[in-house]
Amino acid sequence: MSERSLQEPTILLLTALADAPKHGYALMQEVDTISSGRVRLRTGTLYGALDRLLQQGLIRIDSEEVVDGRMRRTYALSDNGREVLEAEAERLQATAEEARRRLSAGRQRARIQGQGAGA
């Protein structure tokens, strides 16, 4: 996997699998919950993403069973997927911390400039 940052749907899928294996429908629900409804994966998009993540070695098939005459796969985060998600979480946290630092500095600068204008 390259050093490129992950797209939000990928981060959400990996995050959804970080605590326990899940099947497709549960993943759709988890992504919706984690994103507070901002990201809703459609079935085709979900399974396309899962196939891509399987090929990249970020997830693995945990189990397969037949439910109501249909195959149900349960997916789990692979060791590599866990490492990639951890690195991405650290990158996002560092970016958020820098954004907060700069916002705080900007507010301070605006206050100082505002005080100087009234003097």
PDB file of N, CA and C in Angstrom:
ATOM      1  N   MET A   1       0.854  -1.172   0.000  1.00  0.00           N
ATOM      2  CA  MET A   1       0.000   0.000   0.000  1.00  0.00           C
ATOM      3  C   MET A   1       0.894   1.228   0.000  1.00  0.00           C
ATOM      4  N   SER A   2       0.558   2.211  -0.804  1.00  0.00           N
ATOM      5  CA  SER A   2       1.384   3.403  -0.916  1.00  0.00           C
ATOM      6  C   SER A   2       1.165   4.320   0.279  1.00  0.00           C
ATOM      7  N   GLU A   3       1.905   5.413   0.307  1.00  0.00           N
ATOM      8  CA  GLU A   3       1.798   6.371   1.400  1.00  0.00           C
ATOM      9  C   GLU A   3       0.663   7.372   1.170  1.00  0.00           C
ATOM     10  N   ARG A   4      -0.107   7.204   0.095  1.00  0.00           N
ATOM     11  CA  ARG A   4      -1.233   8.101  -0.150  1.00  0.00           C
ATOM     12  C   ARG A   4      -2.251   7.975   0.963  1.00  0.00           C
ATOM     13  N   SER A   5      -2.917   9.092   1.239  1.00  0.00           N
ATOM     14  CA  SER A   5      -3.962   9.024   2.252  1.00  0.00           C
ATOM     15  C   SER A   5      -5.166   8.281   1.688  1.00  0.00           C
ATOM     16  N   LEU A   6      -5.950   7.710   2.571  1.00  0.00           N
ATOM     17  CA  LEU A   6      -7.112   6.924   2.174  1.00  0.00           C
ATOM     18  C   LEU A   6      -8.327   7.822   1.962  1.00  0.00           C
ATOM     19  N   GLN A   7      -9.212   7.401   1.094  1.00  0.00           N
ATOM     20  CA  GLN A   7     -10.470   8.101   0.892  1.00  0.00           C
ATOM     21  C   GLN A   7     -11.373   7.835   2.090  1.00  0.00           C
ATOM     22  N   GLU A   8     -12.281   8.766   2.370  1.00  0.00           N
ATOM     23  CA  GLU A   8     -13.132   8.641   3.548  1.00  0.00           C
ATOM     24  C   GLU A   8     -13.918   7.327   3.596  1.00  0.00           C
ATOM     25  N   PRO A   9     -14.561   6.878   2.505  1.00  0.00           N
ATOM     26  CA  PRO A   9     -15.292   5.605   2.598  1.00  0.00           C
ATOM     27  C   PRO A   9     -14.390   4.430   2.999  1.00  0.00           C
ATOM     28  N   THR A  10     -13.154   4.428   2.515  1.00  0.00           N
ATOM     29  CA  THR A  10     -12.210   3.366   2.877  1.00  0.00           C
ATOM     30  C   THR A  10     -11.870   3.433   4.358  1.00  0.00           C
ATOM     31  N   ILE A  11     -11.595   4.636   4.864  1.00  0.00           N
ATOM     32  CA  ILE A  11     -11.299   4.801   6.286  1.00  0.00           C
ATOM     33  C   ILE A  11     -12.484   4.325   7.113  1.00  0.00           C
ATOM     34  N   LEU A  12     -13.688   4.685   6.690  1.00  0.00           N
ATOM     35  CA  LEU A  12     -14.885   4.299   7.437  1.00  0.00           C
ATOM     36  C   LEU A  12     -15.077   2.786   7.439  1.00  0.00           C
ATOM     37  N   LEU A  13     -14.847   2.130   6.303  1.00  0.00           N
ATOM     38  CA  LEU A  13     -14.977   0.672   6.251  1.00  0.00           C
ATOM     39  C   LEU A  13     -13.946  -0.008   7.146  1.00  0.00           C
ATOM     40  N   LEU A  14     -12.713   0.442   7.084  1.00  0.00           N
ATOM     41  CA  LEU A  14     -11.673  -0.148   7.931  1.00  0.00           C
ATOM     42  C   LEU A  14     -11.977   0.101   9.402  1.00  0.00           C
ATOM     43  N   THR A  15     -12.456   1.298   9.712  1.00  0.00           N
ATOM     44  CA  THR A  15     -12.823   1.624  11.089  1.00  0.00           C
ATOM     45  C   THR A  15     -13.961   0.728  11.574  1.00  0.00           C
ATOM     46  N   ALA A  16     -14.930   0.498  10.699  1.00  0.00           N
ATOM     47  CA  ALA A  16     -16.068  -0.354  11.056  1.00  0.00           C
ATOM     48  C   ALA A  16     -15.627  -1.775  11.376  1.00  0.00           C
ATOM     49  N   LEU A  17     -14.533  -2.215  10.778  1.00  0.00           N
ATOM     50  CA  LEU A  17     -14.031  -3.572  11.016  1.00  0.00           C
ATOM     51  C   LEU A  17     -12.984  -3.645  12.126  1.00  0.00           C
ATOM     52  N   ALA A  18     -12.591  -2.506  12.677  1.00  0.00           N
ATOM     53  CA  ALA A  18     -11.484  -2.472  13.635  1.00  0.00           C
ATOM     54  C   ALA A  18     -11.796  -3.216  14.928  1.00  0.00           C
ATOM     55  N   ASP A  19     -13.067  -3.263  15.331  1.00  0.00           N
ATOM     56  CA  ASP A  19     -13.386  -3.892  16.616  1.00  0.00           C
ATOM     57  C   ASP A  19     -13.876  -5.324  16.495  1.00  0.00           C
ATOM     58  N   ALA A  20     -14.457  -5.672  15.331  1.00  0.00           N
ATOM     59  CA  ALA A  20     -14.984  -7.037  15.174  1.00  0.00           C
ATOM     60  C   ALA A  20     -15.338  -7.281  13.713  1.00  0.00           C
ATOM     61  N   PRO A  21     -15.305  -8.548  13.273  1.00  0.00           N
ATOM     62  CA  PRO A  21     -15.728  -8.886  11.904  1.00  0.00           C
ATOM     63  C   PRO A  21     -17.213  -8.548  11.708  1.00  0.00           C
ATOM     64  N   LYS A  22     -17.559  -8.218  10.455  1.00  0.00           N
ATOM     65  CA  LYS A  22     -18.945  -7.869  10.143  1.00  0.00           C
ATOM     66  C   LYS A  22     -19.289  -8.315   8.724  1.00  0.00           C
ATOM     67  N   HIS A  23     -20.575  -8.547   8.481  1.00  0.00           N
ATOM     68  CA  HIS A  23     -21.050  -8.855   7.134  1.00  0.00           C
ATOM     69  C   HIS A  23     -21.442  -7.542   6.445  1.00  0.00           C
ATOM     70  N   GLY A  24     -21.742  -7.624   5.172  1.00  0.00           N
ATOM     71  CA  GLY A  24     -21.981  -6.443   4.351  1.00  0.00           C
ATOM     72  C   GLY A  24     -23.028  -5.485   4.883  1.00  0.00           C
ATOM     73  N   TYR A  25     -24.208  -5.992   5.232  1.00  0.00           N
ATOM     74  CA  TYR A  25     -25.276  -5.110   5.697  1.00  0.00           C
ATOM     75  C   TYR A  25     -24.875  -4.411   6.996  1.00  0.00           C
ATOM     76  N   ALA A  26     -24.220  -5.134   7.891  1.00  0.00           N
ATOM     77  CA  ALA A  26     -23.746  -4.527   9.138  1.00  0.00           C
ATOM     78  C   ALA A  26     -22.714  -3.442   8.850  1.00  0.00           C
ATOM     79  N   LEU A  27     -21.879  -3.653   7.835  1.00  0.00           N
ATOM     80  CA  LEU A  27     -20.898  -2.635   7.455  1.00  0.00           C
ATOM     81  C   LEU A  27     -21.578  -1.372   6.948  1.00  0.00           C
ATOM     82  N   MET A  28     -22.622  -1.534   6.140  1.00  0.00           N
ATOM     83  CA  MET A  28     -23.362  -0.365   5.640  1.00  0.00           C
ATOM     84  C   MET A  28     -23.929   0.425   6.814  1.00  0.00           C
ATOM     85  N   GLN A  29     -24.480  -0.267   7.791  1.00  0.00           N
ATOM     86  CA  GLN A  29     -25.050   0.396   8.966  1.00  0.00           C
ATOM     87  C   GLN A  29     -23.966   1.075   9.799  1.00  0.00           C
ATOM     88  N   GLU A  30     -22.846   0.411   9.991  1.00  0.00           N
ATOM     89  CA  GLU A  30     -21.745   0.971  10.779  1.00  0.00           C
ATOM     90  C   GLU A  30     -21.178   2.230  10.134  1.00  0.00           C
ATOM     91  N   VAL A  31     -20.977   2.196   8.815  1.00  0.00           N
ATOM     92  CA  VAL A  31     -20.453   3.370   8.111  1.00  0.00           C
ATOM     93  C   VAL A  31     -21.417   4.536   8.277  1.00  0.00           C
ATOM     94  N   ASP A  32     -22.704   4.272   8.171  1.00  0.00           N
ATOM     95  CA  ASP A  32     -23.716   5.305   8.367  1.00  0.00           C
ATOM     96  C   ASP A  32     -23.613   5.880   9.783  1.00  0.00           C
ATOM     97  N   THR A  33     -23.471   5.017  10.771  1.00  0.00           N
ATOM     98  CA  THR A  33     -23.376   5.449  12.169  1.00  0.00           C
ATOM     99  C   THR A  33     -22.094   6.234  12.433  1.00  0.00           C
ATOM    100  N   ILE A  34     -20.961   5.684  12.012  1.00  0.00           N
ATOM    101  CA  ILE A  34     -19.666   6.328  12.254  1.00  0.00           C
ATOM    102  C   ILE A  34     -19.615   7.712  11.611  1.00  0.00           C
ATOM    103  N   SER A  35     -20.194   7.840  10.425  1.00  0.00           N
ATOM    104  CA  SER A  35     -20.145   9.112   9.701  1.00  0.00           C
ATOM    105  C   SER A  35     -21.305  10.036  10.063  1.00  0.00           C
ATOM    106  N   SER A  36     -22.107   9.647  11.039  1.00  0.00           N
ATOM    107  CA  SER A  36     -23.295  10.422  11.436  1.00  0.00           C
ATOM    108  C   SER A  36     -24.212  10.685  10.241  1.00  0.00           C
ATOM    109  N   GLY A  37     -24.312   9.688   9.379  1.00  0.00           N
ATOM    110  CA  GLY A  37     -25.217   9.772   8.234  1.00  0.00           C
ATOM    111  C   GLY A  37     -24.673  10.500   7.017  1.00  0.00           C
ATOM    112  N   ARG A  38     -23.451  11.026   7.092  1.00  0.00           N
ATOM    113  CA  ARG A  38     -22.867  11.737   5.947  1.00  0.00           C
ATOM    114  C   ARG A  38     -22.519  10.803   4.799  1.00  0.00           C
ATOM    115  N   VAL A  39     -22.108   9.572   5.128  1.00  0.00           N
ATOM    116  CA  VAL A  39     -21.708   8.606   4.099  1.00  0.00           C
ATOM    117  C   VAL A  39     -22.639   7.409   4.187  1.00  0.00           C
ATOM    118  N   ARG A  40     -23.330   7.169   3.093  1.00  0.00           N
ATOM    119  CA  ARG A  40     -24.214   6.002   3.002  1.00  0.00           C
ATOM    120  C   ARG A  40     -23.782   5.209   1.778  1.00  0.00           C
ATOM    121  N   LEU A  41     -23.260   4.030   2.045  1.00  0.00           N
ATOM    122  CA  LEU A  41     -22.777   3.186   0.957  1.00  0.00           C
ATOM    123  C   LEU A  41     -23.927   2.389   0.364  1.00  0.00           C
ATOM    124  N   ARG A  42     -24.021   2.399  -0.944  1.00  0.00           N
ATOM    125  CA  ARG A  42     -24.987   1.545  -1.634  1.00  0.00           C
ATOM    126  C   ARG A  42     -24.364   0.169  -1.795  1.00  0.00           C
ATOM    127  N   THR A  43     -25.211  -0.799  -2.021  1.00  0.00           N
ATOM    128  CA  THR A  43     -24.756  -2.185  -2.088  1.00  0.00           C
ATOM    129  C   THR A  43     -23.639  -2.384  -3.102  1.00  0.00           C
ATOM    130  N   GLY A  44     -23.825  -1.885  -4.315  1.00  0.00           N
ATOM    131  CA  GLY A  44     -22.804  -2.053  -5.355  1.00  0.00           C
ATOM    132  C   GLY A  44     -21.488  -1.404  -4.990  1.00  0.00           C
ATOM    133  N   THR A  45     -21.568  -0.206  -4.422  1.00  0.00           N
ATOM    134  CA  THR A  45     -20.370   0.518  -3.996  1.00  0.00           C
ATOM    135  C   THR A  45     -19.660  -0.238  -2.879  1.00  0.00           C
ATOM    136  N   LEU A  46     -20.446  -0.730  -1.921  1.00  0.00           N
ATOM    137  CA  LEU A  46     -19.874  -1.469  -0.789  1.00  0.00           C
ATOM    138  C   LEU A  46     -19.102  -2.684  -1.263  1.00  0.00           C
ATOM    139  N   TYR A  47     -19.746  -3.525  -2.085  1.00  0.00           N
ATOM    140  CA  TYR A  47     -19.089  -4.768  -2.478  1.00  0.00           C
ATOM    141  C   TYR A  47     -17.928  -4.524  -3.431  1.00  0.00           C
ATOM    142  N   GLY A  48     -17.995  -3.467  -4.218  1.00  0.00           N
ATOM    143  CA  GLY A  48     -16.840  -3.085  -5.036  1.00  0.00           C
ATOM    144  C   GLY A  48     -15.664  -2.690  -4.152  1.00  0.00           C
ATOM    145  N   ALA A  49     -15.956  -1.912  -3.108  1.00  0.00           N
ATOM    146  CA  ALA A  49     -14.911  -1.486  -2.171  1.00  0.00           C
ATOM    147  C   ALA A  49     -14.347  -2.683  -1.402  1.00  0.00           C
ATOM    148  N   LEU A  50     -15.226  -3.585  -0.966  1.00  0.00           N
ATOM    149  CA  LEU A  50     -14.755  -4.772  -0.253  1.00  0.00           C
ATOM    150  C   LEU A  50     -13.856  -5.630  -1.136  1.00  0.00           C
ATOM    151  N   ASP A  51     -14.225  -5.802  -2.408  1.00  0.00           N
ATOM    152  CA  ASP A  51     -13.367  -6.560  -3.330  1.00  0.00           C
ATOM    153  C   ASP A  51     -12.000  -5.894  -3.471  1.00  0.00           C
ATOM    154  N   ARG A  52     -11.989  -4.571  -3.583  1.00  0.00           N
ATOM    155  CA  ARG A  52     -10.730  -3.831  -3.720  1.00  0.00           C
ATOM    156  C   ARG A  52      -9.884  -3.978  -2.450  1.00  0.00           C
ATOM    157  N   LEU A  53     -10.521  -3.860  -1.294  1.00  0.00           N
ATOM    158  CA  LEU A  53      -9.789  -3.992  -0.032  1.00  0.00           C
ATOM    159  C   LEU A  53      -9.257  -5.404   0.181  1.00  0.00           C
ATOM    160  N   LEU A  54     -10.010  -6.405  -0.290  1.00  0.00           N
ATOM    161  CA  LEU A  54      -9.515  -7.794  -0.255  1.00  0.00           C
ATOM    162  C   LEU A  54      -8.274  -7.933  -1.125  1.00  0.00           C
ATOM    163  N   GLN A  55      -8.330  -7.399  -2.351  1.00  0.00           N
ATOM    164  CA  GLN A  55      -7.193  -7.477  -3.271  1.00  0.00           C
ATOM    165  C   GLN A  55      -5.974  -6.754  -2.713  1.00  0.00           C
ATOM    166  N   GLN A  56      -6.196  -5.662  -1.999  1.00  0.00           N
ATOM    167  CA  GLN A  56      -5.088  -4.892  -1.421  1.00  0.00           C
ATOM    168  C   GLN A  56      -4.561  -5.517  -0.127  1.00  0.00           C
ATOM    169  N   GLY A  57      -5.254  -6.533   0.362  1.00  0.00           N
ATOM    170  CA  GLY A  57      -4.818  -7.201   1.585  1.00  0.00           C
ATOM    171  C   GLY A  57      -5.129  -6.434   2.863  1.00  0.00           C
ATOM    172  N   LEU A  58      -6.051  -5.465   2.786  1.00  0.00           N
ATOM    173  CA  LEU A  58      -6.397  -4.685   3.969  1.00  0.00           C
ATOM    174  C   LEU A  58      -7.481  -5.349   4.804  1.00  0.00           C
ATOM    175  N   ILE A  59      -8.262  -6.207   4.163  1.00  0.00           N
ATOM    176  CA  ILE A  59      -9.277  -6.989   4.875  1.00  0.00           C
ATOM    177  C   ILE A  59      -9.154  -8.438   4.429  1.00  0.00           C
ATOM    178  N   ARG A  60      -9.842  -9.311   5.151  1.00  0.00           N
ATOM    179  CA  ARG A  60      -9.862 -10.730   4.792  1.00  0.00           C
ATOM    180  C   ARG A  60     -11.267 -11.256   5.043  1.00  0.00           C
ATOM    181  N   ILE A  61     -11.564 -12.393   4.448  1.00  0.00           N
ATOM    182  CA  ILE A  61     -12.846 -13.045   4.703  1.00  0.00           C
ATOM    183  C   ILE A  61     -12.691 -13.828   5.999  1.00  0.00           C
ATOM    184  N   ASP A  62     -13.526 -13.508   6.961  1.00  0.00           N
ATOM    185  CA  ASP A  62     -13.478 -14.167   8.266  1.00  0.00           C
ATOM    186  C   ASP A  62     -14.273 -15.463   8.239  1.00  0.00           C
ATOM    187  N   SER A  63     -15.454 -15.434   7.602  1.00  0.00           N
ATOM    188  CA  SER A  63     -16.277 -16.640   7.506  1.00  0.00           C
ATOM    189  C   SER A  63     -17.257 -16.502   6.349  1.00  0.00           C
ATOM    190  N   GLU A  64     -17.781 -17.632   5.932  1.00  0.00           N
ATOM    191  CA  GLU A  64     -18.825 -17.676   4.908  1.00  0.00           C
ATOM    192  C   GLU A  64     -19.878 -18.668   5.364  1.00  0.00           C
ATOM    193  N   GLU A  65     -21.144 -18.299   5.198  1.00  0.00           N
ATOM    194  CA  GLU A  65     -22.229 -19.211   5.544  1.00  0.00           C
ATOM    195  C   GLU A  65     -23.407 -18.927   4.617  1.00  0.00           C
ATOM    196  N   VAL A  66     -24.258 -19.910   4.464  1.00  0.00           N
ATOM    197  CA  VAL A  66     -25.451 -19.740   3.653  1.00  0.00           C
ATOM    198  C   VAL A  66     -26.589 -19.330   4.582  1.00  0.00           C
ATOM    199  N   VAL A  67     -27.206 -18.181   4.263  1.00  0.00           N
ATOM    200  CA  VAL A  67     -28.324 -17.657   5.042  1.00  0.00           C
ATOM    201  C   VAL A  67     -29.471 -17.394   4.072  1.00  0.00           C
ATOM    202  N   ASP A  68     -30.608 -18.053   4.296  1.00  0.00           N
ATOM    203  CA  ASP A  68     -31.771 -17.914   3.405  1.00  0.00           C
ATOM    204  C   ASP A  68     -31.397 -18.191   1.954  1.00  0.00           C
ATOM    205  N   GLY A  69     -30.577 -19.200   1.745  1.00  0.00           N
ATOM    206  CA  GLY A  69     -30.201 -19.605   0.395  1.00  0.00           C
ATOM    207  C   GLY A  69     -29.157 -18.717  -0.263  1.00  0.00           C
ATOM    208  N   ARG A  70     -28.632 -17.745   0.469  1.00  0.00           N
ATOM    209  CA  ARG A  70     -27.619 -16.840  -0.093  1.00  0.00           C
ATOM    210  C   ARG A  70     -26.349 -16.908   0.738  1.00  0.00           C
ATOM    211  N   MET A  71     -25.222 -16.782   0.047  1.00  0.00           N
ATOM    212  CA  MET A  71     -23.931 -16.797   0.726  1.00  0.00           C
ATOM    213  C   MET A  71     -23.738 -15.480   1.468  1.00  0.00           C
ATOM    214  N   ARG A  72     -23.394 -15.566   2.737  1.00  0.00           N
ATOM    215  CA  ARG A  72     -23.085 -14.370   3.525  1.00  0.00           C
ATOM    216  C   ARG A  72     -21.634 -14.465   3.962  1.00  0.00           C
ATOM    217  N   ARG A  73     -20.873 -13.472   3.576  1.00  0.00           N
ATOM    218  CA  ARG A  73     -19.477 -13.388   3.982  1.00  0.00           C
ATOM    219  C   ARG A  73     -19.354 -12.416   5.141  1.00  0.00           C
ATOM    220  N   THR A  74     -18.496 -12.775   6.053  1.00  0.00           N
ATOM    221  CA  THR A  74     -18.148 -11.874   7.144  1.00  0.00           C
ATOM    222  C   THR A  74     -16.704 -11.458   6.913  1.00  0.00           C
ATOM    223  N   TYR A  75     -16.467 -10.155   6.977  1.00  0.00           N
ATOM    224  CA  TYR A  75     -15.147  -9.597   6.693  1.00  0.00           C
ATOM    225  C   TYR A  75     -14.482  -9.153   7.984  1.00  0.00           C
ATOM    226  N   ALA A  76     -13.145  -9.220   7.989  1.00  0.00           N
ATOM    227  CA  ALA A  76     -12.366  -8.791   9.150  1.00  0.00           C
ATOM    228  C   ALA A  76     -11.186  -7.962   8.663  1.00  0.00           C
ATOM    229  N   LEU A  77     -10.699  -7.120   9.526  1.00  0.00           N
ATOM    230  CA  LEU A  77      -9.514  -6.328   9.234  1.00  0.00           C
ATOM    231  C   LEU A  77      -8.294  -7.252   9.258  1.00  0.00           C
ATOM    232  N   SER A  78      -7.441  -7.154   8.259  1.00  0.00           N
ATOM    233  CA  SER A  78      -6.206  -7.946   8.250  1.00  0.00           C
ATOM    234  C   SER A  78      -5.158  -7.230   9.107  1.00  0.00           C
ATOM    235  N   ASP A  79      -4.062  -7.902   9.385  1.00  0.00           N
ATOM    236  CA  ASP A  79      -2.976  -7.257  10.139  1.00  0.00           C
ATOM    237  C   ASP A  79      -2.478  -6.030   9.385  1.00  0.00           C
ATOM    238  N   ASN A  80      -2.324  -6.153   8.060  1.00  0.00           N
ATOM    239  CA  ASN A  80      -1.889  -5.026   7.247  1.00  0.00           C
ATOM    240  C   ASN A  80      -2.920  -3.902   7.296  1.00  0.00           C
ATOM    241  N   GLY A  81      -4.194  -4.254   7.236  1.00  0.00           N
ATOM    242  CA  GLY A  81      -5.257  -3.256   7.313  1.00  0.00           C
ATOM    243  C   GLY A  81      -5.237  -2.511   8.634  1.00  0.00           C
ATOM    244  N   ARG A  82      -4.955  -3.232   9.704  1.00  0.00           N
ATOM    245  CA  ARG A  82      -4.862  -2.606  11.034  1.00  0.00           C
ATOM    246  C   ARG A  82      -3.707  -1.602  11.060  1.00  0.00           C
ATOM    247  N   GLU A  83      -2.564  -1.963  10.478  1.00  0.00           N
ATOM    248  CA  GLU A  83      -1.410  -1.057  10.427  1.00  0.00           C
ATOM    249  C   GLU A  83      -1.721   0.178   9.589  1.00  0.00           C
ATOM    250  N   VAL A  84      -2.365  -0.027   8.440  1.00  0.00           N
ATOM    251  CA  VAL A  84      -2.713   1.091   7.565  1.00  0.00           C
ATOM    252  C   VAL A  84      -3.714   2.020   8.251  1.00  0.00           C
ATOM    253  N   LEU A  85      -4.717   1.455   8.917  1.00  0.00           N
ATOM    254  CA  LEU A  85      -5.707   2.273   9.619  1.00  0.00           C
ATOM    255  C   LEU A  85      -5.056   3.050  10.754  1.00  0.00           C
ATOM    256  N   GLU A  86      -4.157   2.420  11.485  1.00  0.00           N
ATOM    257  CA  GLU A  86      -3.454   3.107  12.575  1.00  0.00           C
ATOM    258  C   GLU A  86      -2.648   4.285  12.034  1.00  0.00           C
ATOM    259  N   ALA A  87      -1.915   4.066  10.950  1.00  0.00           N
ATOM    260  CA  ALA A  87      -1.123   5.148  10.346  1.00  0.00           C
ATOM    261  C   ALA A  87      -2.029   6.277   9.856  1.00  0.00           C
ATOM    262  N   GLU A  88      -3.156   5.927   9.272  1.00  0.00           N
ATOM    263  CA  GLU A  88      -4.088   6.943   8.777  1.00  0.00           C
ATOM    264  C   GLU A  88      -4.697   7.726   9.938  1.00  0.00           C
ATOM    265  N   ALA A  89      -5.021   7.044  11.031  1.00  0.00           N
ATOM    266  CA  ALA A  89      -5.569   7.724  12.210  1.00  0.00           C
ATOM    267  C   ALA A  89      -4.550   8.712  12.778  1.00  0.00           C
ATOM    268  N   GLU A  90      -3.287   8.316  12.810  1.00  0.00           N
ATOM    269  CA  GLU A  90      -2.230   9.212  13.292  1.00  0.00           C
ATOM    270  C   GLU A  90      -2.069  10.415  12.372  1.00  0.00           C
ATOM    271  N   ARG A  91      -2.129  10.188  11.056  1.00  0.00           N
ATOM    272  CA  ARG A  91      -2.011  11.283  10.087  1.00  0.00           C
ATOM    273  C   ARG A  91      -3.163  12.269  10.255  1.00  0.00           C
ATOM    274  N   LEU A  92      -4.385  11.744  10.375  1.00  0.00           N
ATOM    275  CA  LEU A  92      -5.552  12.605  10.534  1.00  0.00           C
ATOM    276  C   LEU A  92      -5.489  13.390  11.844  1.00  0.00           C
ATOM    277  N   GLN A  93      -5.043  12.738  12.902  1.00  0.00           N
ATOM    278  CA  GLN A  93      -4.929  13.420  14.188  1.00  0.00           C
ATOM    279  C   GLN A  93      -3.904  14.545  14.114  1.00  0.00           C
ATOM    280  N   ALA A  94      -2.768  14.295  13.491  1.00  0.00           N
ATOM    281  CA  ALA A  94      -1.734  15.329  13.361  1.00  0.00           C
ATOM    282  C   ALA A  94      -2.253  16.511  12.546  1.00  0.00           C
ATOM    283  N   THR A  95      -2.992  16.235  11.486  1.00  0.00           N
ATOM    284  CA  THR A  95      -3.560  17.307  10.667  1.00  0.00           C
ATOM    285  C   THR A  95      -4.576  18.109  11.467  1.00  0.00           C
ATOM    286  N   ALA A  96      -5.447  17.419  12.223  1.00  0.00           N
ATOM    287  CA  ALA A  96      -6.451  18.101  13.039  1.00  0.00           C
ATOM    288  C   ALA A  96      -5.781  18.963  14.112  1.00  0.00           C
ATOM    289  N   GLU A  97      -4.732  18.453  14.739  1.00  0.00           N
ATOM    290  CA  GLU A  97      -4.021  19.226  15.761  1.00  0.00           C
ATOM    291  C   GLU A  97      -3.397  20.481  15.166  1.00  0.00           C
ATOM    292  N   GLU A  98      -2.819  20.358  13.976  1.00  0.00           N
ATOM    293  CA  GLU A  98      -2.221  21.524  13.314  1.00  0.00           C
ATOM    294  C   GLU A  98      -3.300  22.533  12.931  1.00  0.00           C
ATOM    295  N   ALA A  99      -4.437  22.056  12.458  1.00  0.00           N
ATOM    296  CA  ALA A  99      -5.543  22.960  12.121  1.00  0.00           C
ATOM    297  C   ALA A  99      -5.999  23.718  13.364  1.00  0.00           C
ATOM    298  N   ARG A 100      -6.152  23.015  14.488  1.00  0.00           N
ATOM    299  CA  ARG A 100      -6.559  23.675  15.736  1.00  0.00           C
ATOM    300  C   ARG A 100      -5.518  24.697  16.199  1.00  0.00           C
ATOM    301  N   ARG A 101      -4.248  24.336  16.077  1.00  0.00           N
ATOM    302  CA  ARG A 101      -3.174  25.252  16.466  1.00  0.00           C
ATOM    303  C   ARG A 101      -3.236  26.533  15.640  1.00  0.00           C
ATOM    304  N   ARG A 102      -3.402  26.377  14.338  1.00  0.00           N
ATOM    305  CA  ARG A 102      -3.440  27.548  13.463  1.00  0.00           C
ATOM    306  C   ARG A 102      -4.700  28.379  13.684  1.00  0.00           C
ATOM    307  N   LEU A 103      -5.823  27.730  13.914  1.00  0.00           N
ATOM    308  CA  LEU A 103      -7.054  28.471  14.211  1.00  0.00           C
ATOM    309  C   LEU A 103      -6.897  29.288  15.485  1.00  0.00           C
ATOM    310  N   SER A 104      -6.291  28.701  16.499  1.00  0.00           N
ATOM    311  CA  SER A 104      -6.056  29.394  17.762  1.00  0.00           C
ATOM    312  C   SER A 104      -5.121  30.591  17.548  1.00  0.00           C
ATOM    313  N   ALA A 105      -4.051  30.383  16.791  1.00  0.00           N
ATOM    314  CA  ALA A 105      -3.113  31.469  16.501  1.00  0.00           C
ATOM    315  C   ALA A 105      -3.811  32.579  15.724  1.00  0.00           C
ATOM    316  N   GLY A 106      -4.678  32.213  14.802  1.00  0.00           N
ATOM    317  CA  GLY A 106      -5.415  33.214  14.022  1.00  0.00           C
ATOM    318  C   GLY A 106      -6.366  34.014  14.893  1.00  0.00           C
ATOM    319  N   ARG A 107      -7.035  33.345  15.839  1.00  0.00           N
ATOM    320  CA  ARG A 107      -7.934  34.053  16.755  1.00  0.00           C
ATOM    321  C   ARG A 107      -7.147  35.011  17.643  1.00  0.00           C
ATOM    322  N   GLN A 108      -5.990  34.554  18.117  1.00  0.00           N
ATOM    323  CA  GLN A 108      -5.145  35.402  18.955  1.00  0.00           C
ATOM    324  C   GLN A 108      -4.697  36.626  18.180  1.00  0.00           C
ATOM    325  N   ARG A 109      -4.261  36.435  16.950  1.00  0.00           N
ATOM    326  CA  ARG A 109      -3.792  37.534  16.111  1.00  0.00           C
ATOM    327  C   ARG A 109      -4.929  38.519  15.867  1.00  0.00           C
ATOM    328  N   ALA A 110      -6.140  38.000  15.613  1.00  0.00           N
ATOM    329  CA  ALA A 110      -7.297  38.873  15.369  1.00  0.00           C
ATOM    330  C   ALA A 110      -7.625  39.685  16.619  1.00  0.00           C
ATOM    331  N   ARG A 111      -7.516  39.071  17.811  1.00  0.00           N
ATOM    332  CA  ARG A 111      -7.775  39.791  19.063  1.00  0.00           C
ATOM    333  C   ARG A 111      -6.764  40.914  19.261  1.00  0.00           C
ATOM    334  N   ILE A 112      -5.514  40.593  19.008  1.00  0.00           N
ATOM    335  CA  ILE A 112      -4.453  41.591  19.184  1.00  0.00           C
ATOM    336  C   ILE A 112      -4.652  42.742  18.211  1.00  0.00           C
ATOM    337  N   GLN A 113      -4.961  42.421  16.965  1.00  0.00           N
ATOM    338  CA  GLN A 113      -5.202  43.467  15.965  1.00  0.00           C
ATOM    339  C   GLN A 113      -6.432  44.285  16.318  1.00  0.00           C
ATOM    340  N   GLY A 114      -7.452  43.611  16.855  1.00  0.00           N
ATOM    341  CA  GLY A 114      -8.672  44.306  17.264  1.00  0.00           C
ATOM    342  C   GLY A 114      -8.406  45.258  18.419  1.00  0.00           C
ATOM    343  N   GLN A 115      -7.516  44.872  19.336  1.00  0.00           N
ATOM    344  CA  GLN A 115      -7.179  45.746  20.467  1.00  0.00           C
ATOM    345  C   GLN A 115      -6.380  46.950  20.009  1.00  0.00           C
ATOM    346  N   GLY A 116      -5.521  46.707  19.025  1.00  0.00           N
ATOM    347  CA  GLY A 116      -4.685  47.809  18.509  1.00  0.00           C
ATOM    348  C   GLY A 116      -5.528  48.818  17.744  1.00  0.00           C
ATOM    349  N   ALA A 117      -6.597  48.379  17.112  1.00  0.00           N
ATOM    350  CA  ALA A 117      -7.428  49.282  16.330  1.00  0.00           C
ATOM    351  C   ALA A 117      -8.217  50.230  17.218  1.00  0.00           C
ATOM    352  N   GLY A 118      -8.519  49.785  18.442  1.00  0.00           N
ATOM    353  CA  GLY A 118      -9.314  50.616  19.353  1.00  0.00           C
ATOM    354  C   GLY A 118      -8.459  51.563  20.178  1.00  0.00           C
ATOM    355  N   ALA A 119      -7.139  51.431  20.103  1.00  0.00           N
ATOM    356  CA  ALA A 119      -6.271  52.247  20.949  1.00  0.00           C
ATOM    357  C   ALA A 119      -6.015  53.613  20.388  1.00  0.00           C
TER     358      ALA A 119
END
